[in-house]
Amino acid sequence: QSQNAGKDAVKELLQMRETRDGLKKREREYDALIEDEATPMDEYIEAKADLESVRVRLQDLNTRIRNKQSVLGVTDRARLRNLMNNPFLTARMNALALKQRLRDRLRARKFEMERLERSFRKQVN
């Protein structure tokens, strides 16, 4: 287990960076929605609330990335640099990050639908 600890740390760092890139993209999207004057009020309020949660998650993730990088040894840092420039691995990590975002959105949608169904059932009964 300790033999693969460095590889696992590098892999986790790469995943964290991909997640950070996705969060930065969402932050830019929410900023654009907020800045657009044609945005409906309900979307504006939702974007404002989501933007705050994204920024908190982004700040937390940046802190965790810095902590992980400081723990890496010299060989692991070199391995991280080499892997970051690998196009195959970059594409794979992008796919994994996309898959994770899709799962998160699906999970959020599921709970949203449950609330809606519960509300509907209360009105019908």
Protein backbone atom coordinates (compact mmCIF):
# COMPACT_ATOMS: atom_id res chain seq x y z
CA GLN A 1 0.00 0.00 0.00
CA SER A 2 2.78 2.46 0.84
CA GLN A 3 4.44 1.65 -2.50
CA ASN A 4 1.51 3.15 -4.39
CA ALA A 5 0.94 6.08 -2.03
CA GLY A 6 2.88 8.49 -4.25
CA LYS A 7 1.05 7.39 -7.40
CA ASP A 8 -2.28 7.66 -5.63
CA ALA A 9 -1.44 11.15 -4.38
CA VAL A 10 -0.48 12.27 -7.90
CA LYS A 11 -3.66 10.75 -9.33
CA GLU A 12 -5.77 12.46 -6.69
CA LEU A 13 -4.02 15.77 -7.35
CA LEU A 14 -4.76 15.51 -11.06
CA GLN A 15 -8.43 14.80 -10.33
CA MET A 16 -8.57 17.75 -7.95
CA ARG A 17 -7.13 20.02 -10.62
CA GLU A 18 -9.70 18.86 -13.16
CA THR A 19 -12.48 19.46 -10.65
CA ARG A 20 -11.03 22.91 -9.96
CA ASP A 21 -11.08 23.70 -13.68
CA GLY A 22 -14.73 22.65 -13.85
CA LEU A 23 -15.59 24.81 -10.86
CA LYS A 24 -13.81 27.79 -12.40
CA LYS A 25 -15.83 27.31 -15.57
CA ARG A 26 -19.10 27.22 -13.58
CA GLU A 27 -17.99 30.34 -11.70
CA ARG A 28 -17.49 32.18 -15.00
CA GLU A 29 -20.91 30.99 -16.23
CA TYR A 30 -22.63 32.24 -13.07
CA ASP A 31 -20.76 35.55 -13.28
CA ALA A 32 -21.97 35.96 -16.87
CA LEU A 33 -25.57 35.24 -15.80
CA ILE A 34 -25.37 37.76 -12.99
CA GLU A 35 -23.82 40.44 -15.20
CA ASP A 36 -26.41 39.94 -17.97
CA GLU A 37 -29.27 42.39 -17.48
CA ALA A 38 -31.66 40.20 -19.49
CA THR A 39 -31.45 37.39 -16.93
CA PRO A 40 -34.83 36.71 -15.25
CA MET A 41 -34.96 37.47 -11.53
CA ASP A 42 -35.41 33.84 -10.42
CA GLU A 43 -32.37 32.73 -12.44
CA TYR A 44 -30.41 35.69 -11.08
CA ILE A 45 -31.18 34.74 -7.48
CA GLU A 46 -30.36 31.08 -8.11
CA ALA A 47 -27.10 31.98 -9.88
CA LYS A 48 -26.13 34.29 -7.03
CA ALA A 49 -26.66 31.55 -4.43
CA ASP A 50 -24.90 28.92 -6.54
CA LEU A 51 -22.00 31.28 -7.20
CA GLU A 52 -21.35 31.62 -3.48
CA SER A 53 -21.33 27.84 -2.97
CA VAL A 54 -19.04 27.36 -5.99
CA ARG A 55 -16.61 29.96 -4.65
CA VAL A 56 -16.53 28.29 -1.23
CA ARG A 57 -15.90 24.89 -2.82
CA LEU A 58 -13.22 26.42 -5.08
CA GLN A 59 -11.43 28.01 -2.15
CA ASP A 60 -11.55 24.74 -0.18
CA LEU A 61 -10.29 22.78 -3.17
CA ASN A 62 -7.39 25.20 -3.76
CA THR A 63 -6.35 24.79 -0.13
CA ARG A 64 -6.49 21.00 -0.40
CA ILE A 65 -4.45 21.08 -3.62
CA ARG A 66 -1.75 23.23 -1.99
CA ASN A 67 -1.62 20.87 1.00
CA LYS A 68 -1.34 17.79 -1.23
CA GLN A 69 1.43 19.37 -3.32
CA SER A 70 3.44 20.31 -0.25
CA VAL A 71 3.36 16.68 0.92
CA LEU A 72 4.68 15.28 -2.37
CA GLY A 73 8.30 14.24 -2.57
CA VAL A 74 10.76 15.24 -5.33
CA THR A 75 10.08 12.17 -7.50
CA ASP A 76 6.32 12.56 -7.14
CA ARG A 77 6.52 16.22 -8.16
CA ALA A 78 8.49 15.24 -11.27
CA ARG A 79 5.93 12.52 -12.03
CA LEU A 80 3.11 15.05 -11.61
CA ARG A 81 4.80 17.44 -14.04
CA ASN A 82 5.24 14.66 -16.61
CA LEU A 83 1.68 13.42 -16.25
CA MET A 84 0.20 16.89 -16.58
CA ASN A 85 1.75 17.17 -20.05
CA ASN A 86 0.51 13.73 -21.16
CA PRO A 87 -2.34 14.26 -23.69
CA PHE A 88 -3.90 10.83 -23.13
CA LEU A 89 -4.04 11.32 -19.40
CA THR A 90 -5.37 14.86 -19.81
CA ALA A 91 -8.23 13.56 -21.99
CA ARG A 92 -8.94 10.76 -19.53
CA MET A 93 -8.99 13.12 -16.56
CA ASN A 94 -11.29 15.49 -18.45
CA ALA A 95 -13.65 12.58 -19.08
CA LEU A 96 -13.56 11.57 -15.42
CA ALA A 97 -14.25 15.14 -14.31
CA LEU A 98 -17.17 15.37 -16.74
CA LYS A 99 -18.53 12.06 -15.47
CA GLN A 100 -18.31 13.32 -11.88
CA ARG A 101 -20.10 16.57 -12.74
CA LEU A 102 -22.85 14.63 -14.53
CA ARG A 103 -23.30 12.38 -11.51
CA ASP A 104 -23.48 15.39 -9.19
CA ARG A 105 -26.09 17.09 -11.36
CA LEU A 106 -28.10 13.88 -11.68
CA ARG A 107 -28.05 13.45 -7.91
CA ALA A 108 -29.15 17.06 -7.40
CA ARG A 109 -31.92 16.65 -9.98
CA LYS A 110 -33.13 13.48 -8.26
CA PHE A 111 -33.59 15.29 -4.94
CA GLU A 112 -35.22 18.22 -6.71
CA MET A 113 -37.72 15.87 -8.36
CA GLU A 114 -38.45 14.14 -5.05
CA ARG A 115 -39.35 17.49 -3.47
CA LEU A 116 -41.57 18.34 -6.42
CA GLU A 117 -43.33 14.96 -6.30
CA ARG A 118 -43.86 15.27 -2.55
CA SER A 119 -45.35 18.71 -2.99
CA PHE A 120 -47.60 17.44 -5.75
CA ARG A 121 -48.81 14.52 -3.63
CA LYS A 122 -49.62 16.87 -0.75
CA GLN A 123 -51.70 19.07 -3.03
CA VAL A 124 -53.56 16.11 -4.54
CA ASN A 125 -54.36 14.56 -1.15
